[in-house]
Amino acid sequence: MTIGFATRGIAEAPDVMAPDGSEVRLLATAARGSMAHFRLPAGATSKAVRHRSVEELWFFTAGKGLMWRKLGEDEATIAVAAGISISIPTGAAFQFRAAGEAPLDAVAVTMPPWPGMDEAEPAEGIWEATV
C-alpha cells in the first residue's frame, strides 16, 4: 500500500474566491478531507451560505469578528478571534464579518474534500453582505 504525502505552502494571492465572498488559499488535500486558508478583508461581511454535503472545522488565526450559524432551530452569533475554533455542520447556514482594521483569517478543514463551487448554496443571513 502506498501512502501519498501532500505538501503545500500558503499562496500570497488567493487561489479562488469562496461562494461566500472570502479569499481562499488552498492547502493540503487528502482522500477524506481538504484544508484551506480563508481571509475576509477588514470591515467586510460575507454572503450567507449553506453547504449541501460537507461539514467544516474552522480555526481562526488572525483578526477578530463575528460568526453567525443556524441549523434548524439552533442559532448562534459568537465573537471570533485568533485561537477560536468552530464547527459548521452540513446544512447549517453561516455568515461572518471582520471587525476592526485587520482581515479575519481562518484555516478550515472540509470533510469530505471540497467538491466544487456549487457545493455552497445561498442562504438568508442576518447581515447585508459587502463582498
N, C-alpha and C. Protein backbone atom coordinates (compact mmCIF):
# COMPACT_ATOMS: atom_id res chain seq x y z
N MET A 1 0.85 -1.18 0.00
CA MET A 1 0.00 0.00 0.00
C MET A 1 0.89 1.24 0.00
N THR A 2 0.62 2.17 -0.90
CA THR A 2 1.38 3.41 -0.99
C THR A 2 0.58 4.55 -0.37
N ILE A 3 1.23 5.31 0.47
CA ILE A 3 0.59 6.48 1.07
C ILE A 3 1.21 7.71 0.44
N GLY A 4 0.37 8.61 -0.07
CA GLY A 4 0.87 9.85 -0.64
C GLY A 4 0.96 10.93 0.42
N PHE A 5 1.95 11.76 0.28
CA PHE A 5 2.14 12.87 1.21
C PHE A 5 1.85 14.17 0.48
N ALA A 6 0.97 14.97 1.05
CA ALA A 6 0.64 16.27 0.47
C ALA A 6 1.44 17.35 1.19
N THR A 7 2.03 18.23 0.42
CA THR A 7 2.76 19.37 0.98
C THR A 7 2.40 20.59 0.14
N ARG A 8 1.94 21.63 0.80
CA ARG A 8 1.59 22.84 0.06
C ARG A 8 1.71 24.03 0.99
N GLY A 9 2.46 25.03 0.56
CA GLY A 9 2.58 26.28 1.31
C GLY A 9 1.44 27.21 0.96
N ILE A 10 1.25 28.21 1.78
CA ILE A 10 0.17 29.17 1.54
C ILE A 10 0.60 30.16 0.45
N ALA A 11 -0.29 30.41 -0.49
CA ALA A 11 -0.02 31.32 -1.59
C ALA A 11 -0.17 32.77 -1.14
N GLU A 12 0.58 33.66 -1.76
CA GLU A 12 0.46 35.08 -1.45
C GLU A 12 -0.89 35.64 -1.92
N ALA A 13 -1.29 35.24 -3.13
CA ALA A 13 -2.57 35.69 -3.70
C ALA A 13 -3.60 34.58 -3.56
N PRO A 14 -4.88 34.93 -3.48
CA PRO A 14 -5.92 33.89 -3.39
C PRO A 14 -5.91 32.98 -4.61
N ASP A 15 -6.19 31.70 -4.38
CA ASP A 15 -6.36 30.75 -5.47
C ASP A 15 -7.73 30.94 -6.12
N VAL A 16 -8.74 31.19 -5.31
CA VAL A 16 -10.12 31.41 -5.78
C VAL A 16 -10.83 32.28 -4.75
N MET A 17 -12.04 32.69 -5.10
CA MET A 17 -12.92 33.36 -4.16
C MET A 17 -13.99 32.35 -3.76
N ALA A 18 -14.26 32.24 -2.47
CA ALA A 18 -15.29 31.33 -1.99
C ALA A 18 -16.67 31.83 -2.39
N PRO A 19 -17.66 30.94 -2.43
CA PRO A 19 -19.03 31.38 -2.71
C PRO A 19 -19.54 32.43 -1.72
N ASP A 20 -18.96 32.48 -0.51
CA ASP A 20 -19.38 33.49 0.47
C ASP A 20 -18.67 34.83 0.27
N GLY A 21 -17.71 34.88 -0.68
CA GLY A 21 -17.00 36.12 -0.98
C GLY A 21 -15.64 36.25 -0.32
N SER A 22 -15.25 35.31 0.50
CA SER A 22 -13.93 35.37 1.14
C SER A 22 -12.85 34.85 0.20
N GLU A 23 -11.61 35.28 0.45
CA GLU A 23 -10.46 34.81 -0.33
C GLU A 23 -10.09 33.42 0.13
N VAL A 24 -9.72 32.53 -0.81
CA VAL A 24 -9.34 31.16 -0.48
C VAL A 24 -7.94 30.89 -0.98
N ARG A 25 -7.11 30.39 -0.08
CA ARG A 25 -5.78 29.89 -0.44
C ARG A 25 -5.77 28.41 -0.11
N LEU A 26 -5.65 27.59 -1.15
CA LEU A 26 -5.73 26.14 -0.98
C LEU A 26 -4.52 25.60 -0.24
N LEU A 27 -4.76 24.64 0.63
CA LEU A 27 -3.71 23.97 1.40
C LEU A 27 -3.77 22.48 1.08
N ALA A 28 -3.26 21.64 1.94
CA ALA A 28 -3.18 20.19 1.68
C ALA A 28 -4.56 19.57 1.54
N THR A 29 -4.60 18.52 0.71
CA THR A 29 -5.82 17.74 0.49
C THR A 29 -5.48 16.27 0.64
N ALA A 30 -6.40 15.51 1.24
CA ALA A 30 -6.26 14.06 1.38
C ALA A 30 -7.55 13.40 0.92
N ALA A 31 -7.58 12.09 0.97
CA ALA A 31 -8.74 11.34 0.48
C ALA A 31 -10.02 11.69 1.23
N ARG A 32 -9.93 12.01 2.53
CA ARG A 32 -11.14 12.23 3.33
C ARG A 32 -11.34 13.66 3.79
N GLY A 33 -10.49 14.58 3.34
CA GLY A 33 -10.65 15.96 3.75
C GLY A 33 -9.74 16.89 2.97
N SER A 34 -10.11 18.16 2.97
CA SER A 34 -9.26 19.18 2.34
C SER A 34 -9.14 20.34 3.32
N MET A 35 -8.08 21.13 3.14
CA MET A 35 -7.81 22.24 4.04
C MET A 35 -7.56 23.50 3.20
N ALA A 36 -8.02 24.63 3.71
CA ALA A 36 -7.82 25.90 3.02
C ALA A 36 -7.71 27.02 4.04
N HIS A 37 -7.09 28.10 3.61
CA HIS A 37 -7.00 29.32 4.41
C HIS A 37 -8.00 30.30 3.83
N PHE A 38 -8.82 30.89 4.71
CA PHE A 38 -9.83 31.86 4.29
C PHE A 38 -9.48 33.22 4.87
N ARG A 39 -9.69 34.26 4.09
CA ARG A 39 -9.46 35.63 4.56
C ARG A 39 -10.63 36.51 4.14
N LEU A 40 -11.17 37.22 5.12
CA LEU A 40 -12.21 38.21 4.86
C LEU A 40 -11.59 39.57 5.15
N PRO A 41 -11.60 40.50 4.18
CA PRO A 41 -10.94 41.79 4.39
C PRO A 41 -11.52 42.55 5.60
N ALA A 42 -10.70 43.41 6.16
CA ALA A 42 -11.12 44.23 7.31
C ALA A 42 -12.42 44.95 7.01
N GLY A 43 -13.36 44.88 7.94
CA GLY A 43 -14.63 45.57 7.81
C GLY A 43 -15.64 44.90 6.89
N ALA A 44 -15.28 43.78 6.25
CA ALA A 44 -16.17 43.12 5.28
C ALA A 44 -17.12 42.14 5.96
N THR A 45 -18.24 41.89 5.28
CA THR A 45 -19.22 40.90 5.71
C THR A 45 -19.45 39.92 4.56
N SER A 46 -19.35 38.63 4.85
CA SER A 46 -19.53 37.60 3.82
C SER A 46 -20.99 37.47 3.42
N LYS A 47 -21.20 36.78 2.30
CA LYS A 47 -22.54 36.35 1.92
C LYS A 47 -22.91 35.17 2.82
N ALA A 48 -24.17 35.01 3.12
CA ALA A 48 -24.64 33.84 3.87
C ALA A 48 -24.78 32.66 2.91
N VAL A 49 -24.26 31.50 3.33
CA VAL A 49 -24.35 30.29 2.52
C VAL A 49 -24.63 29.09 3.42
N ARG A 50 -24.92 27.98 2.78
CA ARG A 50 -25.02 26.69 3.48
C ARG A 50 -24.40 25.64 2.55
N HIS A 51 -23.78 24.63 3.13
CA HIS A 51 -23.16 23.56 2.35
C HIS A 51 -24.13 22.39 2.19
N ARG A 52 -24.16 21.85 1.00
CA ARG A 52 -25.07 20.76 0.67
C ARG A 52 -24.62 19.42 1.26
N SER A 53 -23.30 19.12 1.23
CA SER A 53 -22.86 17.77 1.60
C SER A 53 -21.61 17.71 2.48
N VAL A 54 -20.95 18.83 2.74
CA VAL A 54 -19.72 18.79 3.53
C VAL A 54 -19.95 19.43 4.90
N GLU A 55 -19.11 19.06 5.83
CA GLU A 55 -19.05 19.75 7.12
C GLU A 55 -17.65 20.34 7.24
N GLU A 56 -17.51 21.38 8.06
CA GLU A 56 -16.22 22.05 8.18
C GLU A 56 -15.87 22.31 9.64
N LEU A 57 -14.57 22.35 9.88
CA LEU A 57 -14.00 22.79 11.15
C LEU A 57 -13.11 23.98 10.83
N TRP A 58 -13.32 25.10 11.50
CA TRP A 58 -12.55 26.32 11.28
C TRP A 58 -11.73 26.64 12.52
N PHE A 59 -10.52 27.14 12.28
CA PHE A 59 -9.65 27.64 13.35
C PHE A 59 -9.19 29.03 12.95
N PHE A 60 -9.59 30.03 13.73
CA PHE A 60 -9.24 31.42 13.41
C PHE A 60 -7.80 31.69 13.82
N THR A 61 -7.05 32.31 12.91
CA THR A 61 -5.62 32.53 13.12
C THR A 61 -5.23 34.00 13.27
N ALA A 62 -6.09 34.92 12.85
CA ALA A 62 -5.78 36.35 12.95
C ALA A 62 -7.05 37.17 12.81
N GLY A 63 -7.01 38.37 13.35
CA GLY A 63 -8.14 39.28 13.25
C GLY A 63 -9.20 38.97 14.30
N LYS A 64 -10.32 39.67 14.17
CA LYS A 64 -11.45 39.41 15.05
C LYS A 64 -12.72 39.73 14.29
N GLY A 65 -13.82 39.17 14.77
CA GLY A 65 -15.08 39.39 14.08
C GLY A 65 -16.21 38.64 14.74
N LEU A 66 -17.25 38.40 13.94
CA LEU A 66 -18.43 37.68 14.40
C LEU A 66 -18.75 36.56 13.42
N MET A 67 -19.25 35.45 13.94
CA MET A 67 -19.69 34.32 13.13
C MET A 67 -21.12 33.97 13.54
N TRP A 68 -22.02 33.92 12.54
CA TRP A 68 -23.41 33.51 12.76
C TRP A 68 -23.61 32.15 12.13
N ARG A 69 -24.27 31.25 12.85
CA ARG A 69 -24.61 29.92 12.33
C ARG A 69 -26.04 29.58 12.72
N LYS A 70 -26.75 28.89 11.79
CA LYS A 70 -28.12 28.45 12.08
C LYS A 70 -28.35 27.10 11.42
N LEU A 71 -28.87 26.17 12.22
CA LEU A 71 -29.24 24.85 11.73
C LEU A 71 -30.54 24.47 12.42
N GLY A 72 -31.62 24.43 11.66
CA GLY A 72 -32.93 24.16 12.25
C GLY A 72 -33.30 25.26 13.23
N GLU A 73 -33.63 24.87 14.45
CA GLU A 73 -33.99 25.83 15.49
C GLU A 73 -32.77 26.38 16.23
N ASP A 74 -31.62 25.75 16.05
CA ASP A 74 -30.40 26.20 16.73
C ASP A 74 -29.78 27.37 15.96
N GLU A 75 -29.52 28.47 16.66
CA GLU A 75 -28.94 29.66 16.04
C GLU A 75 -28.04 30.34 17.05
N ALA A 76 -26.86 30.77 16.59
CA ALA A 76 -25.93 31.44 17.49
C ALA A 76 -25.07 32.42 16.70
N THR A 77 -24.75 33.54 17.34
CA THR A 77 -23.77 34.50 16.84
C THR A 77 -22.72 34.62 17.92
N ILE A 78 -21.46 34.38 17.53
CA ILE A 78 -20.37 34.40 18.51
C ILE A 78 -19.25 35.31 18.05
N ALA A 79 -18.49 35.83 19.00
CA ALA A 79 -17.28 36.58 18.70
C ALA A 79 -16.18 35.58 18.36
N VAL A 80 -15.41 35.87 17.31
CA VAL A 80 -14.29 35.02 16.93
C VAL A 80 -13.01 35.85 16.85
N ALA A 81 -11.91 35.19 17.11
CA ALA A 81 -10.58 35.82 17.07
C ALA A 81 -9.55 34.70 17.02
N ALA A 82 -8.30 35.06 16.85
CA ALA A 82 -7.23 34.06 16.81
C ALA A 82 -7.34 33.14 18.02
N GLY A 83 -7.27 31.83 17.77
CA GLY A 83 -7.33 30.84 18.83
C GLY A 83 -8.67 30.19 19.02
N ILE A 84 -9.72 30.70 18.36
CA ILE A 84 -11.07 30.13 18.48
C ILE A 84 -11.30 29.13 17.35
N SER A 85 -11.90 27.97 17.67
CA SER A 85 -12.28 27.00 16.65
C SER A 85 -13.78 26.78 16.71
N ILE A 86 -14.36 26.48 15.56
CA ILE A 86 -15.81 26.27 15.45
C ILE A 86 -16.10 25.12 14.50
N SER A 87 -17.31 24.61 14.58
CA SER A 87 -17.77 23.62 13.60
C SER A 87 -18.93 24.22 12.80
N ILE A 88 -19.00 23.78 11.54
CA ILE A 88 -20.12 24.15 10.68
C ILE A 88 -20.69 22.83 10.14
N PRO A 89 -21.78 22.34 10.75
CA PRO A 89 -22.37 21.08 10.31
C PRO A 89 -22.95 21.19 8.90
N THR A 90 -23.04 20.06 8.23
CA THR A 90 -23.67 20.00 6.91
C THR A 90 -25.07 20.61 6.99
N GLY A 91 -25.39 21.50 6.07
CA GLY A 91 -26.71 22.11 6.00
C GLY A 91 -26.88 23.36 6.85
N ALA A 92 -25.91 23.69 7.69
CA ALA A 92 -26.02 24.89 8.53
C ALA A 92 -25.79 26.14 7.69
N ALA A 93 -26.64 27.14 7.86
CA ALA A 93 -26.40 28.45 7.24
C ALA A 93 -25.37 29.17 8.09
N PHE A 94 -24.47 29.92 7.43
CA PHE A 94 -23.48 30.68 8.19
C PHE A 94 -23.09 31.93 7.45
N GLN A 95 -22.61 32.89 8.21
CA GLN A 95 -22.17 34.18 7.69
C GLN A 95 -21.19 34.74 8.70
N PHE A 96 -20.17 35.47 8.22
CA PHE A 96 -19.20 36.04 9.15
C PHE A 96 -18.78 37.43 8.71
N ARG A 97 -18.27 38.18 9.69
CA ARG A 97 -17.83 39.55 9.42
C ARG A 97 -16.53 39.81 10.14
N ALA A 98 -15.70 40.64 9.51
CA ALA A 98 -14.42 41.04 10.09
C ALA A 98 -14.58 42.38 10.76
N ALA A 99 -14.25 42.44 12.04
CA ALA A 99 -14.35 43.69 12.81
C ALA A 99 -12.95 44.30 12.92
N GLY A 100 -12.89 45.57 13.10
CA GLY A 100 -11.61 46.23 13.27
C GLY A 100 -10.91 46.54 11.96
N GLU A 101 -9.62 46.81 12.07
CA GLU A 101 -8.85 47.27 10.91
C GLU A 101 -7.96 46.18 10.30
N ALA A 102 -8.14 44.94 10.73
CA ALA A 102 -7.34 43.83 10.19
C ALA A 102 -8.27 42.80 9.56
N PRO A 103 -7.76 42.05 8.57
CA PRO A 103 -8.58 40.97 7.99
C PRO A 103 -8.84 39.89 9.04
N LEU A 104 -9.88 39.11 8.81
CA LEU A 104 -10.20 37.95 9.64
C LEU A 104 -9.73 36.72 8.88
N ASP A 105 -8.81 35.96 9.47
CA ASP A 105 -8.21 34.79 8.83
C ASP A 105 -8.59 33.52 9.58
N ALA A 106 -8.83 32.46 8.83
CA ALA A 106 -9.12 31.15 9.42
C ALA A 106 -8.56 30.06 8.51
N VAL A 107 -8.19 28.95 9.13
CA VAL A 107 -7.86 27.74 8.40
C VAL A 107 -9.01 26.78 8.63
N ALA A 108 -9.51 26.18 7.55
CA ALA A 108 -10.66 25.29 7.66
C ALA A 108 -10.35 23.93 7.04
N VAL A 109 -10.89 22.90 7.66
CA VAL A 109 -10.83 21.54 7.13
C VAL A 109 -12.24 21.18 6.69
N THR A 110 -12.36 20.70 5.46
CA THR A 110 -13.64 20.33 4.87
C THR A 110 -13.67 18.81 4.71
N MET A 111 -14.76 18.19 5.21
CA MET A 111 -14.89 16.74 5.14
C MET A 111 -16.25 16.38 4.56
N PRO A 112 -16.33 15.57 3.50
CA PRO A 112 -15.22 15.15 2.66
C PRO A 112 -14.60 16.34 1.94
N PRO A 113 -13.58 16.12 1.10
CA PRO A 113 -12.94 17.25 0.42
C PRO A 113 -13.95 18.10 -0.36
N TRP A 114 -13.64 19.38 -0.48
CA TRP A 114 -14.49 20.34 -1.19
C TRP A 114 -14.76 19.84 -2.61
N PRO A 115 -16.05 19.64 -2.98
CA PRO A 115 -16.36 19.07 -4.30
C PRO A 115 -16.46 20.08 -5.44
N GLY A 116 -16.58 21.37 -5.14
CA GLY A 116 -16.71 22.37 -6.20
C GLY A 116 -17.62 23.50 -5.78
N MET A 117 -17.65 24.55 -6.58
CA MET A 117 -18.33 25.78 -6.21
C MET A 117 -19.84 25.62 -6.03
N ASP A 118 -20.49 24.64 -6.67
CA ASP A 118 -21.93 24.53 -6.45
C ASP A 118 -22.26 23.74 -5.18
N GLU A 119 -21.23 23.43 -4.37
CA GLU A 119 -21.45 22.83 -3.05
C GLU A 119 -22.18 23.81 -2.12
N ALA A 120 -21.86 25.09 -2.23
CA ALA A 120 -22.48 26.11 -1.36
C ALA A 120 -23.68 26.72 -2.07
N GLU A 121 -24.76 26.83 -1.32
CA GLU A 121 -25.95 27.49 -1.86
C GLU A 121 -26.24 28.73 -1.04
N PRO A 122 -26.81 29.75 -1.65
CA PRO A 122 -27.14 30.96 -0.90
C PRO A 122 -28.11 30.66 0.24
N ALA A 123 -27.96 31.38 1.33
CA ALA A 123 -28.86 31.26 2.48
C ALA A 123 -29.25 32.66 2.92
N GLU A 124 -30.30 32.74 3.70
CA GLU A 124 -30.71 34.02 4.26
C GLU A 124 -29.89 34.27 5.50
N GLY A 125 -29.11 35.36 5.50
CA GLY A 125 -28.26 35.67 6.64
C GLY A 125 -28.87 36.74 7.52
N ILE A 126 -28.05 37.26 8.42
CA ILE A 126 -28.55 38.30 9.34
C ILE A 126 -27.95 39.67 9.04
N TRP A 127 -26.91 39.71 8.20
CA TRP A 127 -26.29 40.99 7.85
C TRP A 127 -26.30 41.17 6.33
N GLU A 128 -26.18 42.40 5.89
CA GLU A 128 -26.03 42.69 4.47
C GLU A 128 -24.58 42.40 4.06
N ALA A 129 -24.39 41.58 3.05
CA ALA A 129 -23.05 41.23 2.57
C ALA A 129 -22.39 42.42 1.90
N THR A 130 -21.08 42.53 2.07
CA THR A 130 -20.32 43.62 1.44
C THR A 130 -19.26 43.11 0.47
N VAL A 131 -19.14 41.79 0.31
CA VAL A 131 -18.15 41.21 -0.62
C VAL A 131 -18.85 40.51 -1.76
